Amino acid sequence: MTSTETRVYEAAAYLNTAEECALYLQAAIEEADGDPAIIVTALEDIAKAKCMAKLAQTADFSSIGRAADNLSFAAVTKVCKSLGLKLHAEPIAPASV
């Protein structure tokens, strides 16, 4: 019988460009369905990919995870800005006239 070796999936290892980070955050927002923990996890992954120490200096957080329980919208936008990202909205369906 052969054994299977597994490794922990680390999303941060695959976030190499600003575009990849933005697409990852957008996907998390779309899949969150009202669960802020999914968005916070995506922000943590992006921060890991970009170096958490830089985020802590620019966003006044020692870590996103510590702020996750009471992360306000203002904090989310501040973290996004520190990561070089911005949030945007788009219509779910075309507006009917």
Foldseek 3Di string as FASTA:
>chain_A
DDDDDDDDDQVLVVQADPVSLQVQLVVQVVPCVPPCVSNLVSLQSLCVNVPVVQLCVQLVNNGSVVCSVPQDPVSVQSSQVSSVHHDDDDDPDDDDD
